[in-house]
């Protein structure tokens, strides 16, 4: 097996797992997409086409006549996802911790100091 064939197979597996997990848990997958900053209307209308598209890309990566197109579409999808995550990191937005979870810099919820006796 050549290195490029291995990469195609590995990327295909990533897209199959990604699409399958979205089909298995559509509510949490939609919530995660909205948390990433995708408008809810777009998530609602584009959710199932994205799932089907990911599985189709996975198949296209393994079928010789479709391989070149699938590689370019996969690259575009991965670049779009990376850009979306990057924009959210720059904006410092995204999923927030629930109110019951203390922030990392919250001293009031920190572990007791070594001087504290139990």
Protein backbone atom coordinates (compact mmCIF):
# COMPACT_ATOMS: atom_id res chain seq x y z
CA UNK A 1 0.00 0.00 0.00
CA UNK A 2 1.44 3.36 -0.99
CA UNK A 3 1.64 6.25 1.43
CA UNK A 4 -0.99 8.25 -0.49
CA UNK A 5 -3.35 5.28 -0.46
CA UNK A 6 -2.86 5.00 3.30
CA UNK A 7 -3.60 8.72 3.75
CA UNK A 8 -6.75 8.41 1.61
CA UNK A 9 -7.91 5.45 3.67
CA UNK A 10 -7.19 7.26 6.95
CA UNK A 11 -8.99 10.44 5.86
CA UNK A 12 -11.88 8.33 4.64
CA UNK A 13 -12.12 6.71 8.07
CA UNK A 14 -12.16 10.15 9.72
CA UNK A 15 -15.06 11.29 7.53
CA UNK A 16 -17.01 8.04 8.07
CA UNK A 17 -16.68 8.31 11.85
CA UNK A 18 -17.53 12.03 11.80
CA UNK A 19 -20.63 11.55 9.66
CA UNK A 20 -21.76 8.49 11.60
CA UNK A 21 -21.43 10.23 14.96
CA UNK A 22 -23.51 13.14 13.70
CA UNK A 23 -26.23 10.69 12.60
CA UNK A 24 -26.12 8.95 15.99
CA UNK A 25 -26.41 12.13 18.07
CA UNK A 26 -27.99 14.86 15.97
CA UNK A 27 -29.07 17.00 18.93
CA UNK A 28 -25.60 17.22 20.47
CA UNK A 29 -23.94 17.59 17.06
CA UNK A 30 -26.23 20.51 16.20
CA UNK A 31 -25.57 22.11 19.59
CA UNK A 32 -21.82 21.76 19.06
CA UNK A 33 -22.09 23.38 15.63
CA UNK A 34 -24.05 26.30 17.08
CA UNK A 35 -21.47 26.62 19.87
CA UNK A 36 -18.79 26.94 17.17
CA UNK A 37 -20.60 30.00 15.88
CA UNK A 38 -22.54 28.59 12.94
CA UNK A 39 -25.91 30.35 12.68
CA UNK A 40 -28.78 28.12 13.90
CA UNK A 41 -30.65 28.53 10.60
CA UNK A 42 -27.65 27.20 8.68
CA UNK A 43 -27.22 24.33 11.13
CA UNK A 44 -30.89 23.41 10.77
CA UNK A 45 -30.87 23.41 6.97
CA UNK A 46 -27.38 22.03 6.37
CA UNK A 47 -27.03 19.37 9.04
CA UNK A 48 -28.10 16.24 7.18
CA UNK A 49 -26.51 17.30 3.87
CA UNK A 50 -23.23 17.70 5.77
CA UNK A 51 -23.56 14.21 7.28
CA UNK A 52 -24.31 12.66 3.90
CA UNK A 53 -21.55 14.73 2.31
CA UNK A 54 -18.96 13.49 4.79
CA UNK A 55 -19.86 9.86 4.15
CA UNK A 56 -19.91 10.51 0.38
CA UNK A 57 -16.46 12.11 0.58
CA UNK A 58 -15.24 9.06 2.47
CA UNK A 59 -16.51 6.82 -0.32
CA UNK A 60 -15.08 9.12 -2.99
CA UNK A 61 -11.64 8.92 -1.41
CA UNK A 62 -11.69 5.16 -1.93
CA UNK A 63 -13.12 5.07 -5.46
CA UNK A 64 -10.43 5.70 -8.07
CA UNK A 65 -12.46 7.79 -10.59
CA UNK A 66 -13.76 10.06 -7.81
CA UNK A 67 -10.53 10.29 -5.85
CA UNK A 68 -9.20 13.62 -7.19
CA UNK A 69 -12.48 15.48 -6.69
CA UNK A 70 -12.93 13.95 -3.23
CA UNK A 71 -9.43 15.03 -2.21
CA UNK A 72 -10.11 18.66 -3.19
CA UNK A 73 -13.54 18.70 -1.52
CA UNK A 74 -12.08 17.13 1.62
CA UNK A 75 -9.34 19.72 1.68
CA UNK A 76 -11.93 22.50 1.35
CA UNK A 77 -14.04 21.06 4.15
CA UNK A 78 -11.05 20.70 6.46
CA UNK A 79 -9.87 24.24 5.69
CA UNK A 80 -13.35 25.63 6.39
CA UNK A 81 -13.54 23.77 9.71
CA UNK A 82 -10.04 24.90 10.69
CA UNK A 83 -10.89 28.51 9.81
CA UNK A 84 -14.08 28.33 11.88
CA UNK A 85 -12.22 27.01 14.92
CA UNK A 86 -9.45 29.60 14.46
CA UNK A 87 -11.92 32.49 14.28
CA UNK A 88 -13.63 31.27 17.46
CA UNK A 89 -10.30 30.95 19.25
CA UNK A 90 -9.33 34.48 18.22
CA UNK A 91 -12.71 35.82 19.37
CA UNK A 92 -12.44 33.69 22.53
CA UNK A 93 -15.96 32.43 22.01
CA UNK A 94 -17.35 28.96 22.07
CA UNK A 95 -18.81 26.59 24.59
CA UNK A 96 -18.90 27.98 28.08
CA UNK A 97 -18.55 26.05 31.28
CA UNK A 98 -21.79 25.62 33.21
CA UNK A 99 -22.32 28.07 36.05
CA UNK A 100 -21.73 25.30 38.60
CA UNK A 101 -18.16 24.73 37.35
CA UNK A 102 -15.72 27.24 38.83
CA UNK A 103 -13.39 29.10 36.52
CA UNK A 104 -9.76 27.99 36.49
CA UNK A 105 -8.59 31.24 38.10
CA UNK A 106 -11.30 31.30 40.79
CA UNK A 107 -9.39 31.18 44.10
CA UNK A 108 -12.54 30.66 46.17
CA UNK A 109 -13.06 27.19 44.67
CA UNK A 110 -9.43 26.11 44.79
CA UNK A 111 -8.13 23.18 46.78
CA UNK A 112 -7.31 23.80 50.42
CA UNK A 113 -3.88 25.13 51.14
CA UNK A 114 -1.30 22.79 52.73
CA UNK A 115 -1.65 24.70 56.00
CA UNK A 116 -5.32 23.78 56.30
CA UNK A 117 -5.98 20.86 58.65
CA UNK A 118 -8.90 18.52 58.22
